[in-house]
């Protein structure tokens, strides 16, 4: 015969409570492998308004995802006609705009392409061409802009076509 009081308590805990109870009863502490971060932690100097907007977005997304019967959102947006427009869409979608719109957080990208003497943290200077833009997207710590910490996450997981679109967009700024 089941203890009804205990059964009701377990039912009220829900799935998260049951998992927590199970993990607590294990001999060894459970470890979870963390995925590679997709965005660096907020620096102290990020604008409060931007931080609030980002937090509101994440909070709304989390509430929508946890609603009863919620399913993963479908990515149905069609590719824009031009490579540059698609790059702009990807720039926003991948969160690049959140850091690169504040020059205190990340280097501004306007009129970057074509610079003959772009200064790097190691004291050298390079020409900003397509190769540099590509490398900065997939291996951002290889050549870091002077005055900025190496906090940009790598986007090496992006398909070549998306990197091409991002480079095409960056060239228009």
Protein backbone atom coordinates (compact mmCIF):
# COMPACT_ATOMS: atom_id res chain seq x y z
CA UNK A 1 0.00 0.00 0.00
CA UNK A 2 1.34 3.42 -1.00
CA UNK A 3 1.71 6.26 1.44
CA UNK A 4 -0.75 8.81 0.02
CA UNK A 5 0.81 11.77 1.76
CA UNK A 6 4.23 10.89 0.29
CA UNK A 7 2.70 10.21 -3.15
CA UNK A 8 0.97 13.61 -3.21
CA UNK A 9 4.20 15.34 -2.17
CA UNK A 10 6.11 13.65 -5.01
CA UNK A 11 3.39 14.51 -7.54
CA UNK A 12 3.44 18.16 -6.47
CA UNK A 13 7.22 18.34 -6.96
CA UNK A 14 6.95 17.82 -10.71
CA UNK A 15 9.69 16.55 -12.99
CA UNK A 16 12.32 19.06 -11.86
CA UNK A 17 11.76 18.19 -8.22
CA UNK A 18 11.99 14.48 -8.92
CA UNK A 19 15.24 14.93 -10.83
CA UNK A 20 16.68 17.07 -8.03
CA UNK A 21 15.65 14.47 -5.44
CA UNK A 22 17.24 11.70 -7.53
CA UNK A 23 20.50 13.61 -7.99
CA UNK A 24 20.65 14.42 -4.28
CA UNK A 25 20.40 10.72 -3.47
CA UNK A 26 23.33 9.73 -5.71
CA UNK A 27 26.63 8.70 -4.09
CA UNK A 28 28.77 10.98 -6.25
CA UNK A 29 27.80 14.48 -7.26
CA UNK A 30 26.49 14.62 -10.81
CA UNK A 31 28.50 16.55 -13.38
CA UNK A 32 27.14 18.13 -16.50
CA UNK A 33 29.34 19.04 -19.43
CA UNK A 34 28.72 22.68 -20.29
CA UNK A 35 28.42 23.66 -23.95
CA UNK A 36 30.77 26.22 -25.44
CA UNK A 37 29.46 29.70 -24.57
CA UNK A 38 27.80 31.57 -27.39
CA UNK A 39 28.10 34.96 -25.82
CA UNK A 40 30.49 36.35 -23.20
CA UNK A 41 29.20 37.39 -19.79
CA UNK A 42 28.04 40.99 -19.56
CA UNK A 43 30.95 43.30 -18.85
CA UNK A 44 30.33 45.77 -16.02
CA UNK A 45 30.25 48.68 -18.46
CA UNK A 46 27.47 47.44 -20.76
CA UNK A 47 24.68 49.99 -20.93
CA UNK A 48 21.94 49.33 -18.38
CA UNK A 49 19.28 49.86 -21.03
CA UNK A 50 20.86 47.20 -23.27
CA UNK A 51 21.19 44.78 -20.35
CA UNK A 52 17.52 45.31 -19.48
CA UNK A 53 16.40 44.74 -23.07
CA UNK A 54 18.44 41.54 -23.32
CA UNK A 55 17.19 40.26 -19.97
CA UNK A 56 13.58 41.01 -20.95
CA UNK A 57 14.06 39.10 -24.20
CA UNK A 58 15.59 36.08 -22.48
CA UNK A 59 12.93 36.15 -19.77
CA UNK A 60 10.08 36.29 -22.30
CA UNK A 61 11.63 33.46 -24.31
CA UNK A 62 12.01 31.33 -21.19
CA UNK A 63 8.40 31.95 -20.15
CA UNK A 64 7.12 31.05 -23.62
CA UNK A 65 9.24 27.90 -23.74
CA UNK A 66 8.02 26.70 -20.35
CA UNK A 67 4.31 27.24 -21.06
CA UNK A 68 2.19 24.06 -21.14
CA UNK A 69 2.20 22.55 -24.62
CA UNK A 70 5.04 24.81 -25.81
CA UNK A 71 7.15 23.56 -28.69
CA UNK A 72 10.43 24.80 -30.09
CA UNK A 73 10.00 27.82 -32.37
CA UNK A 74 10.33 27.04 -36.05
CA UNK A 75 12.95 28.88 -38.03
CA UNK A 76 10.81 29.72 -41.03
CA UNK A 77 12.32 33.04 -42.05
CA UNK A 78 13.20 32.92 -45.72
CA UNK A 79 16.67 33.89 -46.83
CA UNK A 80 16.70 37.48 -48.10
CA UNK A 81 17.45 37.96 -51.78
CA UNK A 82 20.91 39.48 -51.33
CA UNK A 83 23.89 38.03 -49.51
CA UNK A 84 24.33 41.34 -47.67
CA UNK A 85 20.72 41.31 -46.38
CA UNK A 86 21.12 37.72 -45.21
CA UNK A 87 24.35 38.75 -43.47
CA UNK A 88 22.52 41.57 -41.69
CA UNK A 89 19.84 39.11 -40.58
CA UNK A 90 22.51 36.69 -39.29
CA UNK A 91 24.37 39.55 -37.57
CA UNK A 92 21.25 40.25 -35.53
CA UNK A 93 20.21 36.62 -35.11
CA UNK A 94 23.57 35.52 -33.69
CA UNK A 95 23.70 38.46 -31.28
CA UNK A 96 26.66 40.24 -32.88
CA UNK A 97 24.77 43.53 -32.70
CA UNK A 98 24.52 43.33 -28.90
CA UNK A 99 28.27 43.90 -28.44
CA UNK A 100 29.31 45.63 -31.65
CA UNK A 101 26.74 48.41 -31.21
CA UNK A 102 28.56 49.63 -28.07
CA UNK A 103 32.15 50.72 -28.71
CA UNK A 104 32.96 50.33 -25.00
CA UNK A 105 32.28 46.59 -25.28
CA UNK A 106 33.51 45.65 -28.77
CA UNK A 107 35.11 47.44 -31.70
CA UNK A 108 32.72 49.34 -33.95
CA UNK A 109 32.42 47.77 -37.39
CA UNK A 110 31.37 50.82 -39.41
CA UNK A 111 33.99 51.69 -42.04
CA UNK A 112 36.23 48.89 -40.73
CA UNK A 113 36.51 47.02 -44.04
CA UNK A 114 39.32 48.40 -46.17
CA UNK A 115 41.28 50.06 -43.35
CA UNK A 116 44.95 49.94 -44.26
CA UNK A 117 46.36 50.08 -40.73
CA UNK A 118 44.02 48.45 -38.20
CA UNK A 119 45.81 48.28 -34.82
CA UNK A 120 45.91 44.99 -32.88
CA UNK A 121 46.57 44.26 -29.20
CA UNK A 122 50.04 42.88 -29.97
CA UNK A 123 51.06 46.29 -31.37
CA UNK A 124 50.98 45.26 -35.01
CA UNK A 125 48.69 46.66 -37.67
CA UNK A 126 46.96 44.86 -40.53
CA UNK A 127 44.81 45.62 -43.54
CA UNK A 128 41.16 44.76 -42.95
CA UNK A 129 40.25 42.54 -45.89
CA UNK A 130 37.88 39.60 -46.35
CA UNK A 131 40.42 37.15 -44.93
CA UNK A 132 40.72 39.17 -41.70
CA UNK A 133 36.92 39.43 -41.35
CA UNK A 134 36.53 35.66 -41.87
CA UNK A 135 39.26 34.85 -39.36
CA UNK A 136 37.73 37.24 -36.83
CA UNK A 137 34.41 35.40 -37.08
CA UNK A 138 35.69 31.83 -36.83
CA UNK A 139 38.81 32.42 -34.67
CA UNK A 140 38.29 35.79 -32.97
CA UNK A 141 41.26 35.52 -30.60
CA UNK A 142 43.79 35.15 -33.44
CA UNK A 143 44.00 38.91 -34.05
CA UNK A 144 42.30 41.07 -31.42
CA UNK A 145 41.62 44.77 -32.02
CA UNK A 146 43.70 47.11 -29.85
CA UNK A 147 41.92 48.35 -26.75
CA UNK A 148 39.55 45.40 -26.45
CA UNK A 149 39.72 42.17 -24.45
CA UNK A 150 39.52 38.82 -26.31
CA UNK A 151 35.93 38.09 -25.25
CA UNK A 152 34.26 37.42 -28.60
CA UNK A 153 33.05 33.83 -28.88
CA UNK A 154 34.06 31.73 -31.86
CA UNK A 155 31.53 31.13 -34.61
CA UNK A 156 33.51 28.31 -36.23
CA UNK A 157 30.36 26.19 -36.11
CA UNK A 158 28.68 28.38 -38.74
CA UNK A 159 28.39 26.99 -42.26
CA UNK A 160 30.66 28.64 -44.84
CA UNK A 161 27.62 30.21 -46.54
CA UNK A 162 26.66 32.05 -43.33
CA UNK A 163 30.22 33.29 -42.82
CA UNK A 164 30.20 34.50 -46.45
CA UNK A 165 26.95 36.37 -45.79
CA UNK A 166 28.30 37.96 -42.60
CA UNK A 167 31.46 39.08 -44.42
CA UNK A 168 29.37 40.53 -47.26
CA UNK A 169 27.30 42.49 -44.73
CA UNK A 170 30.34 43.75 -42.79
CA UNK A 171 31.79 45.11 -46.03
CA UNK A 172 28.70 47.34 -46.44
CA UNK A 173 29.02 49.04 -43.06
